[in-house]
């Protein structure tokens, strides 16, 4: 629909007074109707399919007066999670997806027209599912208005800034955040029809095969159905870098940023030292480098891990970063992570800890002193609860001793009561010099534990 906006500038041309006018566009209501009808057809097709149930579905409260906000990396299954929750609840709902290329010209001024068209297509409804809401500027004004009117709103987003900044600022106290990661190993097994409850030799062998695949391929839901994993992950990463970061933040030196992003994915997990990265990529300001790393975190390509300290000011130094999924480590051209199974297992364990303890508001750190290092400490406030070492292969006596020594140190110094050493296949219990017991467990068994 085109409107004419008349300026106040009067000009005399050929003896006549002329009004100088400019025009502005907002989307035609018929075009919006066509797009939303197409989306409804896609929705109806999806609703007929059966999807793997995710544990985060239980966190969605469809009766709440607060917006339910599911946030996570692109292609992690946010939309299907919400559709599953809506489908099995039986509520009537409407749907709009702003990650549709046909919606690229949508502005905040169009949102009320979209609502009008949704009522026309779906009839009366009290639940509205909005996919990839971050693509619309000032979306929060629209959502706030819906919440004030008693609408139950379910939102997905692919940018952590929604949680850290925009939601806290604009939906103060009126939202429930739910973070979603790519598939866990148990979900991966369910997706691929791997029986996990059978403890026979055959059953264990099949689980181990699935675990080896998971350790290489990662947990993006669609990757199991894709023949060319490298093409899939490359396209996904490029889309995130371009659409969720470069366009959103209007970056001037995109090539430098892209190169740094690929370098970080090649070397993770690792400490991210801004001064070193600035020098390597010729970035004049460490502040710019910090922004670049922050953008990667906001887009959920990277996840940070702070060093444990009872002092808050010391936790912001020596930060480690991990990829959100092990597929990002090697399913790209010129990737260097390769077959480093220790790195891959460490990443899998960290993301699983985030799944298990993030929803319980527990914090995760790594521990490092002059003599010992422990991969992960789970804390409630300043109180350490559990310690985890991760080592793919502890057949070397020096490796085994090093990993157990770290657990012994945190047991003594931090009075940490639960101690775990997660490996590829070894299983035993070891009494440490401090008297505490360290549980050595195969990763595939630990990952399948019911939480």
Protein backbone atom coordinates (compact mmCIF):
# COMPACT_ATOMS: atom_id res chain seq x y z
CA UNK A 1 0.00 0.00 0.00
CA UNK A 2 1.46 3.37 -0.98
CA UNK A 3 0.81 6.59 0.87
CA UNK A 4 1.77 10.13 -0.08
CA UNK A 5 3.38 12.31 2.55
CA UNK A 6 3.31 16.01 1.70
CA UNK A 7 6.12 18.26 2.86
CA UNK A 8 5.73 21.90 3.82
CA UNK A 9 8.07 23.10 1.07
CA UNK A 10 6.35 25.38 -1.47
CA UNK A 11 8.14 26.19 -4.73
CA UNK A 12 7.15 28.53 -7.55
CA UNK A 13 7.58 26.92 -10.92
CA UNK A 14 6.35 28.44 -14.14
CA UNK A 15 4.17 30.84 -12.20
CA UNK A 16 2.48 28.15 -10.13
CA UNK A 17 2.92 27.11 -6.52
CA UNK A 18 3.97 23.44 -6.34
CA UNK A 19 3.96 21.26 -3.27
CA UNK A 20 7.10 19.13 -3.05
CA UNK A 21 6.12 15.62 -1.99
CA UNK A 22 7.88 12.38 -1.09
CA UNK A 23 6.46 8.90 -0.92
CA UNK A 24 6.94 6.07 1.50
CA UNK A 25 5.88 2.45 1.28
CA UNK A 26 4.62 -0.14 3.65
CA UNK A 27 3.70 -3.63 2.53
CA UNK A 28 0.48 -4.15 0.63
CA UNK A 29 -2.12 -5.95 2.74
CA UNK A 30 -2.83 -8.40 -0.08
CA UNK A 31 0.84 -9.34 -0.30
CA UNK A 32 0.95 -9.87 3.47
CA UNK A 33 -2.13 -12.06 3.21
CA UNK A 34 -0.50 -14.19 0.50
CA UNK A 35 2.68 -14.61 2.55
CA UNK A 36 0.84 -15.56 5.74
CA UNK A 37 -1.40 -18.02 3.86
CA UNK A 38 1.72 -19.65 2.43
CA UNK A 39 3.17 -19.86 5.93
CA UNK A 40 -0.04 -21.44 7.19
CA UNK A 41 0.25 -24.14 4.52
CA UNK A 42 3.82 -24.85 5.64
CA UNK A 43 2.63 -24.93 9.25
CA UNK A 44 -0.12 -27.44 8.47
CA UNK A 45 2.44 -29.67 6.75
CA UNK A 46 4.76 -29.50 9.76
CA UNK A 47 1.94 -30.21 12.21
CA UNK A 48 1.32 -33.56 10.48
CA UNK A 49 4.88 -34.68 11.12
CA UNK A 50 6.27 -36.33 14.23
CA UNK A 51 9.21 -34.60 15.90
CA UNK A 52 11.62 -35.71 18.58
CA UNK A 53 10.42 -34.49 21.95
CA UNK A 54 12.81 -32.06 23.63
CA UNK A 55 13.13 -31.76 27.41
CA UNK A 56 12.75 -27.96 27.13
CA UNK A 57 9.13 -28.38 26.02
CA UNK A 58 8.19 -28.80 29.67
CA UNK A 59 9.50 -25.29 30.37
CA UNK A 60 6.97 -23.63 28.03
CA UNK A 61 3.94 -22.39 29.94
CA UNK A 62 1.15 -21.72 27.45
CA UNK A 63 -1.16 -20.38 30.18
CA UNK A 64 1.32 -17.76 31.36
CA UNK A 65 0.69 -14.04 30.97
CA UNK A 66 4.41 -13.67 30.23
CA UNK A 67 5.93 -14.08 26.78
CA UNK A 68 7.60 -17.48 26.37
CA UNK A 69 10.91 -16.77 24.64
CA UNK A 70 12.84 -19.70 23.14
CA UNK A 71 16.33 -18.56 22.21
CA UNK A 72 19.28 -20.36 20.62
CA UNK A 73 21.50 -20.81 17.59
CA UNK A 74 19.87 -21.04 14.17
CA UNK A 75 18.66 -24.51 13.14
CA UNK A 76 18.73 -25.87 16.68
CA UNK A 77 15.04 -26.81 16.54
CA UNK A 78 13.41 -23.81 18.25
CA UNK A 79 10.41 -23.71 15.88
CA UNK A 80 9.66 -27.43 16.08
CA UNK A 81 10.00 -27.31 19.87
CA UNK A 82 7.32 -24.61 20.06
CA UNK A 83 5.11 -26.34 17.48
CA UNK A 84 5.31 -29.60 19.44
CA UNK A 85 4.28 -27.81 22.64
CA UNK A 86 1.39 -26.06 20.89
CA UNK A 87 0.30 -29.17 18.99
CA UNK A 88 0.02 -31.43 22.02
CA UNK A 89 -1.62 -28.75 24.16
CA UNK A 90 -4.52 -28.55 21.72
CA UNK A 91 -4.76 -24.74 21.92
CA UNK A 92 -5.78 -22.71 18.89
CA UNK A 93 -2.96 -20.47 17.72
CA UNK A 94 -1.78 -18.26 14.88
CA UNK A 95 1.68 -18.26 13.37
CA UNK A 96 4.00 -15.77 11.69
CA UNK A 97 7.61 -16.40 10.64
CA UNK A 98 9.82 -13.33 10.19
CA UNK A 99 12.71 -15.43 8.90
CA UNK A 100 10.90 -15.64 5.56
CA UNK A 101 12.69 -13.91 2.67
CA UNK A 102 9.30 -12.58 1.57
CA UNK A 103 9.15 -10.72 4.89
CA UNK A 104 12.45 -8.88 4.39
CA UNK A 105 10.70 -5.55 3.80
CA UNK A 106 8.44 -5.78 6.84
CA UNK A 107 8.71 -2.82 9.21
CA UNK A 108 7.26 -2.15 12.65
CA UNK A 109 4.49 -0.11 11.02
CA UNK A 110 3.27 -3.29 9.28
CA UNK A 111 2.82 -5.35 12.44
CA UNK A 112 -0.73 -4.24 13.11
CA UNK A 113 -1.66 -5.09 9.53
CA UNK A 114 -0.10 -8.52 10.04
CA UNK A 115 -2.23 -9.00 13.17
CA UNK A 116 -5.35 -8.03 11.21
CA UNK A 117 -4.52 -10.56 8.48
CA UNK A 118 -3.81 -13.28 11.05
CA UNK A 119 -7.30 -12.82 12.50
CA UNK A 120 -8.70 -13.09 8.99
CA UNK A 121 -6.80 -16.32 8.27
CA UNK A 122 -7.01 -18.08 11.65
CA UNK A 123 -10.16 -16.61 13.15
CA UNK A 124 -10.16 -15.71 16.84
CA UNK A 125 -7.12 -16.91 18.80
CA UNK A 126 -5.47 -16.27 22.15
CA UNK A 127 -2.04 -17.77 21.38
CA UNK A 128 0.36 -16.25 18.86
CA UNK A 129 3.61 -17.94 17.80
CA UNK A 130 6.18 -15.47 16.39
CA UNK A 131 9.24 -17.05 14.78
CA UNK A 132 12.62 -15.22 14.63
CA UNK A 133 11.26 -12.01 16.10
CA UNK A 134 14.68 -10.28 16.18
CA UNK A 135 14.40 -9.59 12.43
CA UNK A 136 11.89 -6.79 13.07
CA UNK A 137 12.98 -3.51 14.63
CA UNK A 138 10.84 -2.35 17.55
CA UNK A 139 9.10 -5.74 17.72
CA UNK A 140 8.88 -5.35 21.48
CA UNK A 141 6.30 -2.53 21.22
CA UNK A 142 4.01 -4.90 19.33
CA UNK A 143 4.58 -7.78 21.77
CA UNK A 144 4.01 -5.54 24.80
CA UNK A 145 0.70 -4.43 23.36
CA UNK A 146 -0.36 -8.04 22.77
CA UNK A 147 0.57 -8.98 26.33
CA UNK A 148 -1.44 -6.08 27.73
CA UNK A 149 -4.45 -7.37 25.79
CA UNK A 150 -4.13 -10.81 27.35
CA UNK A 151 -2.60 -12.59 24.35
CA UNK A 152 -0.35 -15.58 25.10
CA UNK A 153 2.80 -15.00 23.06
CA UNK A 154 5.44 -17.57 22.13
CA UNK A 155 8.61 -16.15 20.55
CA UNK A 156 11.76 -17.62 19.07
CA UNK A 157 14.97 -15.73 18.44
CA UNK A 158 18.51 -16.45 17.23
CA UNK A 159 20.32 -13.70 19.05
CA UNK A 160 21.30 -13.80 22.72
CA UNK A 161 20.97 -10.02 22.87
CA UNK A 162 17.25 -10.68 23.16
CA UNK A 163 17.94 -12.19 26.57
CA UNK A 164 20.81 -10.03 27.75
CA UNK A 165 19.55 -6.67 26.61
CA UNK A 166 16.42 -6.17 24.58
CA UNK A 167 14.07 -8.36 26.58
CA UNK A 168 15.28 -7.10 29.93
CA UNK A 169 14.87 -3.51 28.75
CA UNK A 170 11.61 -3.69 26.84
CA UNK A 171 9.68 -6.63 28.34
CA UNK A 172 10.62 -5.99 31.95
CA UNK A 173 9.33 -8.82 34.08
CA UNK A 174 7.01 -10.02 31.33
CA UNK A 175 8.97 -12.82 29.70
CA UNK A 176 10.20 -16.34 30.46
CA UNK A 177 13.49 -17.18 28.72
CA UNK A 178 14.15 -20.76 27.54
CA UNK A 179 17.55 -21.50 26.02
CA UNK A 180 17.71 -24.32 23.47
CA UNK A 181 20.88 -26.04 22.28
CA UNK A 182 21.33 -28.52 19.42
CA UNK A 183 20.29 -32.10 20.15
CA UNK A 184 21.66 -33.83 23.22
CA UNK A 185 23.01 -37.35 22.74
CA UNK A 186 19.83 -38.89 24.14
CA UNK A 187 17.75 -36.85 21.67
CA UNK A 188 20.14 -37.83 18.88
CA UNK A 189 19.55 -41.49 19.74
CA UNK A 190 15.78 -40.99 19.76
CA UNK A 191 15.92 -39.23 16.39
CA UNK A 192 17.91 -42.13 14.89
CA UNK A 193 15.86 -44.90 16.57
CA UNK A 194 18.75 -46.12 18.72
CA UNK A 195 17.50 -48.12 21.71
CA UNK A 196 19.27 -46.77 24.80
CA UNK A 197 17.64 -48.89 27.50
CA UNK A 198 19.11 -52.25 26.44
CA UNK A 199 22.28 -53.19 28.35
CA UNK A 200 23.18 -56.25 26.25
CA UNK A 201 26.42 -56.51 24.30
CA UNK A 202 24.53 -55.75 21.09
CA UNK A 203 22.62 -52.84 22.62
CA UNK A 204 25.77 -51.27 24.06
CA UNK A 205 27.55 -51.66 20.72
CA UNK A 206 24.77 -49.80 18.89
CA UNK A 207 24.86 -46.98 21.47
CA UNK A 208 28.64 -46.69 21.08
CA UNK A 209 28.29 -46.47 17.30
CA UNK A 210 25.74 -43.69 17.72
CA UNK A 211 28.03 -41.90 20.17
CA UNK A 212 30.96 -42.01 17.74
CA UNK A 213 28.71 -40.49 15.08
CA UNK A 214 27.46 -37.83 17.48
CA UNK A 215 31.00 -36.92 18.48
CA UNK A 216 31.83 -36.27 14.82
CA UNK A 217 28.55 -34.93 13.43
CA UNK A 218 27.14 -32.95 16.35
CA UNK A 219 23.53 -32.32 17.26
CA UNK A 220 22.01 -29.99 14.67
CA UNK A 221 18.63 -31.66 14.02
CA UNK A 222 18.81 -31.61 10.22
CA UNK A 223 22.37 -32.84 9.85
CA UNK A 224 21.37 -36.51 10.17
CA UNK A 225 19.15 -36.08 7.11
CA UNK A 226 21.83 -34.27 5.11
CA UNK A 227 24.33 -36.09 2.90
CA UNK A 228 26.85 -33.27 2.61
CA UNK A 229 27.51 -32.17 6.17
CA UNK A 230 30.21 -29.69 5.19
CA UNK A 231 27.92 -27.82 2.82
CA UNK A 232 25.15 -27.72 5.43
CA UNK A 233 27.36 -26.36 8.23
CA UNK A 234 29.19 -23.92 5.92
CA UNK A 235 25.89 -22.50 4.71
CA UNK A 236 24.59 -22.25 8.27
CA UNK A 237 27.71 -20.48 9.59
CA UNK A 238 27.80 -18.07 6.65
CA UNK A 239 24.13 -17.25 7.14
CA UNK A 240 24.67 -16.50 10.83
CA UNK A 241 27.74 -14.34 10.15
CA UNK A 242 26.02 -12.41 7.38
CA UNK A 243 22.42 -12.08 8.51
CA UNK A 244 22.59 -12.21 12.30
CA UNK A 245 25.83 -10.27 12.69
CA UNK A 246 27.15 -8.25 9.73
CA UNK A 247 23.79 -6.86 8.63
CA UNK A 248 22.52 -6.39 12.18
CA UNK A 249 25.59 -4.51 13.41
CA UNK A 250 26.42 -2.80 10.07
CA UNK A 251 30.07 -3.85 10.24
CA UNK A 252 32.66 -1.90 8.26
CA UNK A 253 35.38 -4.54 8.11
CA UNK A 254 33.37 -7.66 7.43
CA UNK A 255 36.21 -9.64 5.85
CA UNK A 256 38.39 -9.21 8.93
CA UNK A 257 35.52 -10.29 11.16
CA UNK A 258 34.75 -13.36 9.03
CA UNK A 259 38.41 -14.41 9.08
CA UNK A 260 38.59 -14.05 12.86
CA UNK A 261 35.36 -16.04 13.30
CA UNK A 262 36.71 -18.95 11.24
CA UNK A 263 40.02 -18.84 13.12
CA UNK A 264 38.25 -19.06 16.48
CA UNK A 265 36.15 -22.01 15.34
CA UNK A 266 39.38 -23.70 14.25
CA UNK A 267 41.16 -23.38 17.61
CA UNK A 268 38.34 -23.75 20.14
CA UNK A 269 38.08 -24.65 22.95
CA UNK A 270 40.66 -22.08 23.99
CA UNK A 271 41.28 -18.89 25.93
CA UNK A 272 40.26 -15.84 23.92
CA UNK A 273 42.99 -13.22 24.36
CA UNK A 274 41.82 -10.03 22.68
CA UNK A 275 45.28 -8.46 22.35
CA UNK A 276 46.60 -11.55 20.57
CA UNK A 277 43.63 -11.64 18.20
CA UNK A 278 43.93 -7.91 17.49
CA UNK A 279 47.57 -8.30 16.53
CA UNK A 280 46.92 -11.40 14.41
CA UNK A 281 44.21 -9.73 12.34
CA UNK A 282 45.57 -6.19 12.28
CA UNK A 283 42.74 -4.74 14.36
CA UNK A 284 43.82 -1.44 15.88
CA UNK A 285 41.50 -1.49 18.88
CA UNK A 286 41.09 -4.33 21.39
CA UNK A 287 37.62 -2.94 21.99
CA UNK A 288 36.70 -3.79 18.39
CA UNK A 289 38.02 -7.32 18.87
CA UNK A 290 35.97 -7.68 22.05
CA UNK A 291 32.90 -6.56 20.11
CA UNK A 292 33.57 -9.15 17.41
CA UNK A 293 33.80 -11.94 19.99
CA UNK A 294 30.65 -10.59 21.66
CA UNK A 295 28.77 -10.75 18.36
CA UNK A 296 29.73 -14.42 17.94
CA UNK A 297 28.46 -15.14 21.45
CA UNK A 298 25.23 -13.24 20.83
CA UNK A 299 24.60 -15.34 17.71
CA UNK A 300 25.26 -18.50 19.77
CA UNK A 301 28.19 -19.64 17.65
CA UNK A 302 30.40 -19.40 20.74
CA UNK A 303 29.69 -20.01 24.44
CA UNK A 304 31.97 -18.63 27.14
CA UNK A 305 33.31 -20.28 30.28
CA UNK A 306 34.70 -18.19 33.12
CA UNK A 307 37.46 -19.16 35.53
CA UNK A 308 36.29 -20.07 39.03
CA UNK A 309 37.11 -17.58 41.75
CA UNK A 310 35.28 -16.52 44.92
CA UNK A 311 35.93 -12.94 43.75
CA UNK A 312 33.67 -11.66 41.00
CA UNK A 313 36.26 -9.31 39.51
CA UNK A 314 38.61 -12.22 38.82
CA UNK A 315 36.00 -14.23 36.90
CA UNK A 316 36.02 -11.85 33.94
CA UNK A 317 39.66 -12.61 33.14
CA UNK A 318 41.02 -15.64 31.25
CA UNK A 319 37.70 -16.53 29.64
CA UNK A 320 37.52 -19.70 27.58
CA UNK A 321 35.25 -20.10 24.58
CA UNK A 322 33.63 -23.22 23.13
CA UNK A 323 31.66 -23.80 19.92
CA UNK A 324 27.94 -24.32 20.41
CA UNK A 325 28.24 -27.68 18.65
CA UNK A 326 31.14 -29.94 17.63
CA UNK A 327 30.00 -29.84 13.99
CA UNK A 328 31.33 -26.27 13.83
CA UNK A 329 34.81 -27.56 14.62
CA UNK A 330 35.38 -29.57 11.46
CA UNK A 331 32.39 -29.47 9.11
CA UNK A 332 33.76 -26.41 7.32
CA UNK A 333 36.32 -25.85 4.55
CA UNK A 334 39.88 -25.42 5.87
CA UNK A 335 38.89 -26.52 9.39
CA UNK A 336 41.74 -27.58 11.67
CA UNK A 337 40.06 -29.32 14.62
CA UNK A 338 40.05 -32.62 12.71
CA UNK A 339 40.20 -35.75 14.83
CA UNK A 340 41.11 -34.18 18.18
CA UNK A 341 38.70 -36.32 20.13
CA UNK A 342 39.69 -34.78 23.46
CA UNK A 343 38.57 -31.32 22.32
CA UNK A 344 35.39 -32.71 20.85
CA UNK A 345 34.44 -34.65 23.97
CA UNK A 346 35.16 -31.60 26.15
CA UNK A 347 32.78 -29.52 24.03
CA UNK A 348 30.04 -32.17 24.18
CA UNK A 349 30.30 -32.39 27.97
CA UNK A 350 30.25 -28.60 28.43
CA UNK A 351 27.11 -28.10 26.33
CA UNK A 352 25.42 -30.97 28.18
CA UNK A 353 26.24 -29.31 31.50
CA UNK A 354 24.65 -26.09 30.22
CA UNK A 355 21.52 -28.05 29.29
CA UNK A 356 21.29 -29.75 32.66
CA UNK A 357 22.17 -26.94 35.02
CA UNK A 358 21.34 -23.73 33.14
CA UNK A 359 17.63 -24.15 33.79
CA UNK A 360 18.42 -24.62 37.49
CA UNK A 361 20.28 -21.28 37.61
CA UNK A 362 23.53 -23.02 38.49
CA UNK A 363 26.82 -21.62 37.20
CA UNK A 364 29.63 -23.48 35.46
CA UNK A 365 33.33 -22.53 35.62
CA UNK A 366 36.72 -24.05 35.01
CA UNK A 367 39.28 -24.31 37.79
CA UNK A 368 42.96 -23.44 37.53
CA UNK A 369 45.65 -22.97 40.16
CA UNK A 370 49.43 -23.16 40.02
CA UNK A 371 49.48 -26.97 39.92
CA UNK A 372 46.11 -28.28 38.79
CA UNK A 373 43.32 -27.70 36.32
CA UNK A 374 39.76 -29.03 36.31
CA UNK A 375 37.62 -28.70 33.19
CA UNK A 376 34.27 -27.86 34.81
CA UNK A 377 32.98 -26.89 38.25
CA UNK A 378 29.20 -26.67 38.80
CA UNK A 379 28.35 -24.09 41.46
CA UNK A 380 25.36 -22.75 43.32
CA UNK A 381 26.46 -19.20 43.97
CA UNK A 382 29.99 -19.49 45.40
CA UNK A 383 29.45 -23.08 46.55
CA UNK A 384 31.04 -25.76 44.30
CA UNK A 385 28.75 -28.78 43.96
CA UNK A 386 30.29 -31.00 41.29
CA UNK A 387 33.62 -31.22 39.46
CA UNK A 388 34.14 -32.79 36.04
CA UNK A 389 37.31 -33.78 34.27
CA UNK A 390 37.10 -34.80 30.63
CA UNK A 391 39.71 -37.01 28.97
CA UNK A 392 38.99 -39.15 25.94
CA UNK A 393 41.82 -41.59 26.66
CA UNK A 394 43.35 -42.18 30.12
CA UNK A 395 45.30 -45.33 29.24
CA UNK A 396 48.54 -43.38 29.68
CA UNK A 397 49.37 -43.43 33.46
CA UNK A 398 50.56 -39.80 33.37
CA UNK A 399 47.28 -38.65 31.82
CA UNK A 400 45.25 -40.60 34.37
CA UNK A 401 47.30 -39.22 37.26
CA UNK A 402 46.98 -35.64 36.01
CA UNK A 403 43.20 -35.83 35.69
CA UNK A 404 42.72 -37.43 39.11
CA UNK A 405 45.13 -34.97 40.74
CA UNK A 406 42.95 -32.10 39.57
CA UNK A 407 39.87 -33.70 41.12
CA UNK A 408 41.77 -34.35 44.33
CA UNK A 409 42.79 -30.67 44.48
CA UNK A 410 39.24 -29.30 44.16
CA UNK A 411 37.97 -31.85 46.67
CA UNK A 412 40.50 -30.58 49.23
CA UNK A 413 40.49 -26.86 48.46
CA UNK A 414 36.84 -26.33 47.53
CA UNK A 415 35.21 -29.14 49.52
CA UNK A 416 33.57 -30.31 46.31
CA UNK A 417 31.67 -33.52 47.04
CA UNK A 418 30.86 -35.03 43.63
CA UNK A 419 33.83 -35.83 41.41
CA UNK A 420 33.63 -37.20 37.86
CA UNK A 421 36.14 -38.20 35.21
CA UNK A 422 34.40 -38.65 31.86
CA UNK A 423 36.21 -40.79 29.29
CA UNK A 424 35.52 -42.61 26.06
CA UNK A 425 34.96 -46.05 27.55
CA UNK A 426 36.61 -46.64 30.97
CA UNK A 427 34.47 -47.23 34.05
CA UNK A 428 35.55 -47.55 37.69
CA UNK A 429 35.55 -45.79 41.06
CA UNK A 430 38.81 -44.50 42.53
CA UNK A 431 39.48 -43.44 46.12
CA UNK A 432 41.58 -40.27 45.98
CA UNK A 433 44.33 -39.37 48.50
CA UNK A 434 41.94 -36.89 50.14
CA UNK A 435 39.50 -39.74 50.79
CA UNK A 436 36.87 -38.67 48.24
CA UNK A 437 35.66 -40.98 45.49
CA UNK A 438 36.15 -40.11 41.82
CA UNK A 439 33.64 -41.73 39.45
CA UNK A 440 35.22 -42.67 36.12
CA UNK A 441 32.44 -43.17 33.55
CA UNK A 442 32.12 -43.63 29.78
CA UNK A 443 30.76 -40.50 28.14
CA UNK A 444 27.91 -42.29 26.39
CA UNK A 445 26.58 -43.62 29.71
CA UNK A 446 26.89 -40.25 31.48
CA UNK A 447 25.15 -38.47 28.58
CA UNK A 448 22.21 -40.87 28.78
CA UNK A 449 21.64 -40.39 32.50
CA UNK A 450 18.10 -39.20 33.25
CA UNK A 451 18.20 -35.75 34.78
